[in-house]
Amino acid sequence: MHAQQFCRLKAYFRPCGEEGTKPDIEKLLSDARQDLQAKAIAKIRRQYAKGEVETDISVSRAILREGIPFILYGHVGALAAP
């Protein structure tokens, strides 16, 4: 939707699967964001015990009830009624 508002040509090519090249500033910001994310995760892992940080798990009501302080890269599906 954002592309359709500002650039008709971009709005035409996107559904066709063509992305084009990203500007240098977008690449720079993406790299900085990934670096910051890695640093934040490393800091969390240093400050909390192994059982307090779960990674790449399927989030369910039972998992949430365990009270885990950090869930990194959790997969959220439909939460069924209890």
PDB file of N, CA and C in Angstrom:
ATOM      1  N   MET A   1       0.831  -1.195   0.000  1.00  0.00           N
ATOM      2  CA  MET A   1       0.000   0.000   0.000  1.00  0.00           C
ATOM      3  C   MET A   1       0.867   1.247   0.000  1.00  0.00           C
ATOM      4  N   HIS A   2       1.929   1.233   0.778  1.00  0.00           N
ATOM      5  CA  HIS A   2       2.804   2.390   0.862  1.00  0.00           C
ATOM      6  C   HIS A   2       3.392   2.724  -0.504  1.00  0.00           C
ATOM      7  N   ALA A   3       3.831   1.700  -1.233  1.00  0.00           N
ATOM      8  CA  ALA A   3       4.416   1.916  -2.555  1.00  0.00           C
ATOM      9  C   ALA A   3       3.381   2.481  -3.514  1.00  0.00           C
ATOM     10  N   GLN A   4       2.134   2.041  -3.403  1.00  0.00           N
ATOM     11  CA  GLN A   4       1.086   2.508  -4.302  1.00  0.00           C
ATOM     12  C   GLN A   4       0.791   3.984  -4.093  1.00  0.00           C
ATOM     13  N   GLN A   5       0.967   4.457  -2.873  1.00  0.00           N
ATOM     14  CA  GLN A   5       0.667   5.856  -2.597  1.00  0.00           C
ATOM     15  C   GLN A   5       1.690   6.796  -3.209  1.00  0.00           C
ATOM     16  N   PHE A   6       2.957   6.380  -3.270  1.00  0.00           N
ATOM     17  CA  PHE A   6       4.006   7.303  -3.654  1.00  0.00           C
ATOM     18  C   PHE A   6       4.631   7.042  -5.020  1.00  0.00           C
ATOM     19  N   CYS A   7       4.534   5.826  -5.522  1.00  0.00           N
ATOM     20  CA  CYS A   7       5.200   5.532  -6.785  1.00  0.00           C
ATOM     21  C   CYS A   7       4.396   4.483  -7.554  1.00  0.00           C
ATOM     22  N   ARG A   8       3.765   4.882  -8.611  1.00  0.00           N
ATOM     23  CA  ARG A   8       2.950   3.966  -9.400  1.00  0.00           C
ATOM     24  C   ARG A   8       3.788   2.866 -10.042  1.00  0.00           C
ATOM     25  N   LEU A   9       4.982   3.219 -10.504  1.00  0.00           N
ATOM     26  CA  LEU A   9       5.838   2.230 -11.139  1.00  0.00           C
ATOM     27  C   LEU A   9       6.259   1.154 -10.133  1.00  0.00           C
ATOM     28  N   LYS A  10       6.627   1.574  -8.938  1.00  0.00           N
ATOM     29  CA  LYS A  10       7.000   0.627  -7.895  1.00  0.00           C
ATOM     30  C   LYS A  10       5.798  -0.250  -7.535  1.00  0.00           C
ATOM     31  N   ALA A  11       4.633   0.336  -7.478  1.00  0.00           N
ATOM     32  CA  ALA A  11       3.411  -0.412  -7.174  1.00  0.00           C
ATOM     33  C   ALA A  11       3.105  -1.428  -8.268  1.00  0.00           C
ATOM     34  N   TYR A  12       3.499  -1.142  -9.481  1.00  0.00           N
ATOM     35  CA  TYR A  12       3.282  -2.075 -10.587  1.00  0.00           C
ATOM     36  C   TYR A  12       4.250  -3.262 -10.502  1.00  0.00           C
ATOM     37  N   PHE A  13       5.522  -2.990 -10.229  1.00  0.00           N
ATOM     38  CA  PHE A  13       6.535  -4.038 -10.238  1.00  0.00           C
ATOM     39  C   PHE A  13       6.503  -4.940  -9.012  1.00  0.00           C
ATOM     40  N   ARG A  14       6.096  -4.446  -7.867  1.00  0.00           N
ATOM     41  CA  ARG A  14       6.122  -5.240  -6.643  1.00  0.00           C
ATOM     42  C   ARG A  14       5.276  -6.512  -6.718  1.00  0.00           C
ATOM     43  N   PRO A  15       4.015  -6.455  -7.155  1.00  0.00           N
ATOM     44  CA  PRO A  15       3.230  -7.699  -7.250  1.00  0.00           C
ATOM     45  C   PRO A  15       3.811  -8.694  -8.254  1.00  0.00           C
ATOM     46  N   CYS A  16       4.597  -8.207  -9.197  1.00  0.00           N
ATOM     47  CA  CYS A  16       5.236  -9.081 -10.187  1.00  0.00           C
ATOM     48  C   CYS A  16       6.463  -9.778  -9.609  1.00  0.00           C
ATOM     49  N   GLY A  17       6.842  -9.420  -8.375  1.00  0.00           N
ATOM     50  CA  GLY A  17       7.983 -10.058  -7.730  1.00  0.00           C
ATOM     51  C   GLY A  17       9.295  -9.331  -7.935  1.00  0.00           C
ATOM     52  N   GLU A  18       9.268  -8.195  -8.562  1.00  0.00           N
ATOM     53  CA  GLU A  18      10.494  -7.436  -8.785  1.00  0.00           C
ATOM     54  C   GLU A  18      10.654  -6.420  -7.661  1.00  0.00           C
ATOM     55  N   GLU A  19      11.816  -6.426  -7.053  1.00  0.00           N
ATOM     56  CA  GLU A  19      12.069  -5.542  -5.919  1.00  0.00           C
ATOM     57  C   GLU A  19      12.954  -4.354  -6.282  1.00  0.00           C
ATOM     58  N   GLY A  20      13.923  -4.541  -7.140  1.00  0.00           N
ATOM     59  CA  GLY A  20      14.857  -3.482  -7.450  1.00  0.00           C
ATOM     60  C   GLY A  20      15.996  -3.477  -6.445  1.00  0.00           C
ATOM     61  N   THR A  21      16.819  -2.462  -6.506  1.00  0.00           N
ATOM     62  CA  THR A  21      17.948  -2.378  -5.582  1.00  0.00           C
ATOM     63  C   THR A  21      17.601  -1.419  -4.446  1.00  0.00           C
ATOM     64  N   LYS A  22      18.082  -1.757  -3.261  1.00  0.00           N
ATOM     65  CA  LYS A  22      17.826  -0.904  -2.103  1.00  0.00           C
ATOM     66  C   LYS A  22      18.837   0.250  -2.087  1.00  0.00           C
ATOM     67  N   PRO A  23      18.413   1.413  -1.656  1.00  0.00           N
ATOM     68  CA  PRO A  23      19.347   2.529  -1.528  1.00  0.00           C
ATOM     69  C   PRO A  23      20.388   2.235  -0.446  1.00  0.00           C
ATOM     70  N   ASP A  24      21.524   2.891  -0.537  1.00  0.00           N
ATOM     71  CA  ASP A  24      22.606   2.681   0.425  1.00  0.00           C
ATOM     72  C   ASP A  24      22.159   2.958   1.856  1.00  0.00           C
ATOM     73  N   ILE A  25      21.349   3.974   2.071  1.00  0.00           N
ATOM     74  CA  ILE A  25      20.913   4.311   3.425  1.00  0.00           C
ATOM     75  C   ILE A  25      20.048   3.197   4.007  1.00  0.00           C
ATOM     76  N   GLU A  26      19.227   2.564   3.174  1.00  0.00           N
ATOM     77  CA  GLU A  26      18.385   1.469   3.640  1.00  0.00           C
ATOM     78  C   GLU A  26      19.244   0.268   4.038  1.00  0.00           C
ATOM     79  N   LYS A  27      20.280  -0.020   3.257  1.00  0.00           N
ATOM     80  CA  LYS A  27      21.216  -1.091   3.603  1.00  0.00           C
ATOM     81  C   LYS A  27      21.939  -0.779   4.906  1.00  0.00           C
ATOM     82  N   LEU A  28      22.374   0.456   5.063  1.00  0.00           N
ATOM     83  CA  LEU A  28      23.088   0.883   6.267  1.00  0.00           C
ATOM     84  C   LEU A  28      22.197   0.746   7.495  1.00  0.00           C
ATOM     85  N   LEU A  29      20.962   1.195   7.403  1.00  0.00           N
ATOM     86  CA  LEU A  29      20.028   1.101   8.527  1.00  0.00           C
ATOM     87  C   LEU A  29      19.705  -0.356   8.861  1.00  0.00           C
ATOM     88  N   SER A  30      19.559  -1.191   7.846  1.00  0.00           N
ATOM     89  CA  SER A  30      19.278  -2.606   8.072  1.00  0.00           C
ATOM     90  C   SER A  30      20.450  -3.283   8.784  1.00  0.00           C
ATOM     91  N   ASP A  31      21.658  -3.000   8.350  1.00  0.00           N
ATOM     92  CA  ASP A  31      22.845  -3.563   9.001  1.00  0.00           C
ATOM     93  C   ASP A  31      22.965  -3.089  10.444  1.00  0.00           C
ATOM     94  N   ALA A  32      22.698  -1.812  10.673  1.00  0.00           N
ATOM     95  CA  ALA A  32      22.773  -1.267  12.034  1.00  0.00           C
ATOM     96  C   ALA A  32      21.706  -1.906  12.930  1.00  0.00           C
ATOM     97  N   ARG A  33      20.521  -2.119  12.390  1.00  0.00           N
ATOM     98  CA  ARG A  33      19.440  -2.742  13.145  1.00  0.00           C
ATOM     99  C   ARG A  33      19.801  -4.178  13.521  1.00  0.00           C
ATOM    100  N   GLN A  34      20.376  -4.930  12.582  1.00  0.00           N
ATOM    101  CA  GLN A  34      20.783  -6.311  12.855  1.00  0.00           C
ATOM    102  C   GLN A  34      21.898  -6.362  13.888  1.00  0.00           C
ATOM    103  N   ASP A  35      22.837  -5.439  13.807  1.00  0.00           N
ATOM    104  CA  ASP A  35      23.943  -5.385  14.776  1.00  0.00           C
ATOM    105  C   ASP A  35      23.418  -5.073  16.168  1.00  0.00           C
ATOM    106  N   LEU A  36      22.516  -4.119  16.262  1.00  0.00           N
ATOM    107  CA  LEU A  36      21.931  -3.752  17.547  1.00  0.00           C
ATOM    108  C   LEU A  36      21.118  -4.901  18.134  1.00  0.00           C
ATOM    109  N   GLN A  37      20.383  -5.606  17.290  1.00  0.00           N
ATOM    110  CA  GLN A  37      19.596  -6.746  17.742  1.00  0.00           C
ATOM    111  C   GLN A  37      20.508  -7.839  18.304  1.00  0.00           C
ATOM    112  N   ALA A  38      21.608  -8.117  17.619  1.00  0.00           N
ATOM    113  CA  ALA A  38      22.542  -9.147  18.087  1.00  0.00           C
ATOM    114  C   ALA A  38      23.155  -8.751  19.432  1.00  0.00           C
ATOM    115  N   LYS A  39      23.498  -7.480  19.592  1.00  0.00           N
ATOM    116  CA  LYS A  39      24.060  -7.003  20.858  1.00  0.00           C
ATOM    117  C   LYS A  39      23.039  -7.103  21.992  1.00  0.00           C
ATOM    118  N   ALA A  40      21.792  -6.760  21.708  1.00  0.00           N
ATOM    119  CA  ALA A  40      20.744  -6.830  22.734  1.00  0.00           C
ATOM    120  C   ALA A  40      20.501  -8.268  23.172  1.00  0.00           C
ATOM    121  N   ILE A  41      20.475  -9.191  22.224  1.00  0.00           N
ATOM    122  CA  ILE A  41      20.272 -10.602  22.550  1.00  0.00           C
ATOM    123  C   ILE A  41      21.437 -11.124  23.371  1.00  0.00           C
ATOM    124  N   ALA A  42      22.653 -10.759  23.011  1.00  0.00           N
ATOM    125  CA  ALA A  42      23.828 -11.191  23.769  1.00  0.00           C
ATOM    126  C   ALA A  42      23.773 -10.664  25.203  1.00  0.00           C
ATOM    127  N   LYS A  43      23.346  -9.424  25.375  1.00  0.00           N
ATOM    128  CA  LYS A  43      23.239  -8.835  26.713  1.00  0.00           C
ATOM    129  C   LYS A  43      22.178  -9.557  27.544  1.00  0.00           C
ATOM    130  N   ILE A  44      21.048  -9.849  26.943  1.00  0.00           N
ATOM    131  CA  ILE A  44      19.976 -10.575  27.640  1.00  0.00           C
ATOM    132  C   ILE A  44      20.479 -11.944  28.081  1.00  0.00           C
ATOM    133  N   ARG A  45      21.185 -12.635  27.191  1.00  0.00           N
ATOM    134  CA  ARG A  45      21.699 -13.970  27.520  1.00  0.00           C
ATOM    135  C   ARG A  45      22.724 -13.919  28.654  1.00  0.00           C
ATOM    136  N   ARG A  46      23.501 -12.861  28.720  1.00  0.00           N
ATOM    137  CA  ARG A  46      24.477 -12.716  29.814  1.00  0.00           C
ATOM    138  C   ARG A  46      23.804 -12.458  31.147  1.00  0.00           C
ATOM    139  N   GLN A  47      22.716 -11.707  31.126  1.00  0.00           N
ATOM    140  CA  GLN A  47      22.080 -11.271  32.368  1.00  0.00           C
ATOM    141  C   GLN A  47      21.098 -12.280  32.945  1.00  0.00           C
ATOM    142  N   TYR A  48      20.644 -13.221  32.159  1.00  0.00           N
ATOM    143  CA  TYR A  48      19.634 -14.168  32.625  1.00  0.00           C
ATOM    144  C   TYR A  48      20.146 -15.597  32.522  1.00  0.00           C
ATOM    145  N   ALA A  49      19.643 -16.446  33.400  1.00  0.00           N
ATOM    146  CA  ALA A  49      20.022 -17.861  33.394  1.00  0.00           C
ATOM    147  C   ALA A  49      19.474 -18.541  32.147  1.00  0.00           C
ATOM    148  N   LYS A  50      20.013 -19.707  31.850  1.00  0.00           N
ATOM    149  CA  LYS A  50      19.628 -20.430  30.631  1.00  0.00           C
ATOM    150  C   LYS A  50      18.128 -20.738  30.568  1.00  0.00           C
ATOM    151  N   GLY A  51      17.517 -21.096  31.669  1.00  0.00           N
ATOM    152  CA  GLY A  51      16.096 -21.421  31.681  1.00  0.00           C
ATOM    153  C   GLY A  51      15.180 -20.215  31.592  1.00  0.00           C
ATOM    154  N   GLU A  52      15.735 -19.006  31.703  1.00  0.00           N
ATOM    155  CA  GLU A  52      14.916 -17.790  31.664  1.00  0.00           C
ATOM    156  C   GLU A  52      14.840 -17.162  30.269  1.00  0.00           C
ATOM    157  N   VAL A  53      15.601 -17.705  29.333  1.00  0.00           N
ATOM    158  CA  VAL A  53      15.581 -17.210  27.958  1.00  0.00           C
ATOM    159  C   VAL A  53      15.330 -18.403  27.041  1.00  0.00           C
ATOM    160  N   GLU A  54      14.201 -18.392  26.369  1.00  0.00           N
ATOM    161  CA  GLU A  54      13.865 -19.451  25.411  1.00  0.00           C
ATOM    162  C   GLU A  54      13.961 -18.887  24.001  1.00  0.00           C
ATOM    163  N   THR A  55      14.463 -19.692  23.088  1.00  0.00           N
ATOM    164  CA  THR A  55      14.663 -19.257  21.715  1.00  0.00           C
ATOM    165  C   THR A  55      13.962 -20.197  20.755  1.00  0.00           C
ATOM    166  N   ASP A  56      13.312 -19.600  19.758  1.00  0.00           N
ATOM    167  CA  ASP A  56      12.724 -20.349  18.649  1.00  0.00           C
ATOM    168  C   ASP A  56      11.756 -21.434  19.127  1.00  0.00           C
ATOM    169  N   ILE A  57      10.769 -21.020  19.927  1.00  0.00           N
ATOM    170  CA  ILE A  57       9.780 -21.974  20.421  1.00  0.00           C
ATOM    171  C   ILE A  57       8.391 -21.570  19.941  1.00  0.00           C
ATOM    172  N   SER A  58       7.495 -22.512  19.954  1.00  0.00           N
ATOM    173  CA  SER A  58       6.111 -22.241  19.629  1.00  0.00           C
ATOM    174  C   SER A  58       5.413 -21.758  20.900  1.00  0.00           C
ATOM    175  N   VAL A  59       4.888 -20.573  20.852  1.00  0.00           N
ATOM    176  CA  VAL A  59       4.280 -19.960  22.032  1.00  0.00           C
ATOM    177  C   VAL A  59       2.851 -20.469  22.193  1.00  0.00           C
ATOM    178  N   SER A  60       2.566 -20.972  23.376  1.00  0.00           N
ATOM    179  CA  SER A  60       1.218 -21.444  23.696  1.00  0.00           C
ATOM    180  C   SER A  60       0.842 -20.885  25.064  1.00  0.00           C
ATOM    181  N   ARG A  61      -0.377 -21.099  25.467  1.00  0.00           N
ATOM    182  CA  ARG A  61      -0.801 -20.637  26.786  1.00  0.00           C
ATOM    183  C   ARG A  61       0.022 -21.290  27.887  1.00  0.00           C
ATOM    184  N   ALA A  62       0.323 -22.567  27.723  1.00  0.00           N
ATOM    185  CA  ALA A  62       1.118 -23.282  28.733  1.00  0.00           C
ATOM    186  C   ALA A  62       2.511 -22.657  28.860  1.00  0.00           C
ATOM    187  N   ILE A  63       3.121 -22.310  27.743  1.00  0.00           N
ATOM    188  CA  ILE A  63       4.439 -21.665  27.762  1.00  0.00           C
ATOM    189  C   ILE A  63       4.341 -20.308  28.439  1.00  0.00           C
ATOM    190  N   LEU A  64       3.303 -19.541  28.114  1.00  0.00           N
ATOM    191  CA  LEU A  64       3.142 -18.211  28.714  1.00  0.00           C
ATOM    192  C   LEU A  64       2.904 -18.306  30.218  1.00  0.00           C
ATOM    193  N   ARG A  65       2.210 -19.335  30.653  1.00  0.00           N
ATOM    194  CA  ARG A  65       1.962 -19.514  32.088  1.00  0.00           C
ATOM    195  C   ARG A  65       3.234 -19.825  32.864  1.00  0.00           C
ATOM    196  N   GLU A  66       4.249 -20.333  32.192  1.00  0.00           N
ATOM    197  CA  GLU A  66       5.518 -20.626  32.861  1.00  0.00           C
ATOM    198  C   GLU A  66       6.218 -19.355  33.324  1.00  0.00           C
ATOM    199  N   GLY A  67       5.869 -18.221  32.742  1.00  0.00           N
ATOM    200  CA  GLY A  67       6.439 -16.945  33.165  1.00  0.00           C
ATOM    201  C   GLY A  67       7.876 -16.733  32.725  1.00  0.00           C
ATOM    202  N   ILE A  68       8.229 -17.241  31.565  1.00  0.00           N
ATOM    203  CA  ILE A  68       9.585 -17.072  31.032  1.00  0.00           C
ATOM    204  C   ILE A  68       9.797 -15.582  30.738  1.00  0.00           C
ATOM    205  N   PRO A  69      10.861 -14.981  31.299  1.00  0.00           N
ATOM    206  CA  PRO A  69      11.079 -13.543  31.088  1.00  0.00           C
ATOM    207  C   PRO A  69      11.291 -13.142  29.623  1.00  0.00           C
ATOM    208  N   PHE A  70      12.014 -13.965  28.846  1.00  0.00           N
ATOM    209  CA  PHE A  70      12.309 -13.609  27.456  1.00  0.00           C
ATOM    210  C   PHE A  70      12.058 -14.786  26.536  1.00  0.00           C
ATOM    211  N   ILE A  71      11.300 -14.542  25.468  1.00  0.00           N
ATOM    212  CA  ILE A  71      11.112 -15.510  24.401  1.00  0.00           C
ATOM    213  C   ILE A  71      11.596 -14.836  23.125  1.00  0.00           C
ATOM    214  N   LEU A  72      12.689 -15.350  22.587  1.00  0.00           N
ATOM    215  CA  LEU A  72      13.279 -14.780  21.385  1.00  0.00           C
ATOM    216  C   LEU A  72      12.885 -15.619  20.183  1.00  0.00           C
ATOM    217  N   TYR A  73      12.425 -14.969  19.137  1.00  0.00           N
ATOM    218  CA  TYR A  73      12.007 -15.643  17.902  1.00  0.00           C
ATOM    219  C   TYR A  73      10.908 -16.671  18.177  1.00  0.00           C
ATOM    220  N   GLY A  74       9.921 -16.289  18.976  1.00  0.00           N
ATOM    221  CA  GLY A  74       8.798 -17.180  19.253  1.00  0.00           C
ATOM    222  C   GLY A  74       7.853 -17.229  18.068  1.00  0.00           C
ATOM    223  N   HIS A  75       7.223 -18.376  17.900  1.00  0.00           N
ATOM    224  CA  HIS A  75       6.251 -18.578  16.826  1.00  0.00           C
ATOM    225  C   HIS A  75       4.855 -18.572  17.451  1.00  0.00           C
ATOM    226  N   VAL A  76       4.022 -17.652  17.029  1.00  0.00           N
ATOM    227  CA  VAL A  76       2.698 -17.516  17.594  1.00  0.00           C
ATOM    228  C   VAL A  76       1.673 -18.082  16.620  1.00  0.00           C
ATOM    229  N   GLY A  77       0.909 -19.035  17.102  1.00  0.00           N
ATOM    230  CA  GLY A  77      -0.189 -19.578  16.319  1.00  0.00           C
ATOM    231  C   GLY A  77      -1.495 -19.175  16.992  1.00  0.00           C
ATOM    232  N   ALA A  78      -2.561 -19.775  16.597  1.00  0.00           N
ATOM    233  CA  ALA A  78      -3.844 -19.512  17.246  1.00  0.00           C
ATOM    234  C   ALA A  78      -3.819 -20.124  18.644  1.00  0.00           C
ATOM    235  N   LEU A  79      -4.109 -19.306  19.644  1.00  0.00           N
ATOM    236  CA  LEU A  79      -4.148 -19.792  21.007  1.00  0.00           C
ATOM    237  C   LEU A  79      -5.527 -20.388  21.278  1.00  0.00           C
ATOM    238  N   ALA A  80      -5.569 -21.662  21.553  1.00  0.00           N
ATOM    239  CA  ALA A  80      -6.836 -22.330  21.785  1.00  0.00           C
ATOM    240  C   ALA A  80      -7.381 -21.957  23.159  1.00  0.00           C
ATOM    241  N   ALA A  81      -8.674 -22.051  23.312  1.00  0.00           N
ATOM    242  CA  ALA A  81      -9.311 -21.757  24.601  1.00  0.00           C
ATOM    243  C   ALA A  81      -8.894 -22.828  25.617  1.00  0.00           C
ATOM    244  N   PRO A  82      -8.801 -22.461  26.906  1.00  0.00           N
ATOM    245  CA  PRO A  82      -8.343 -23.430  27.913  1.00  0.00           C
ATOM    246  C   PRO A  82      -9.277 -24.596  28.106  1.00  0.00           C
TER     247      PRO A  82
END
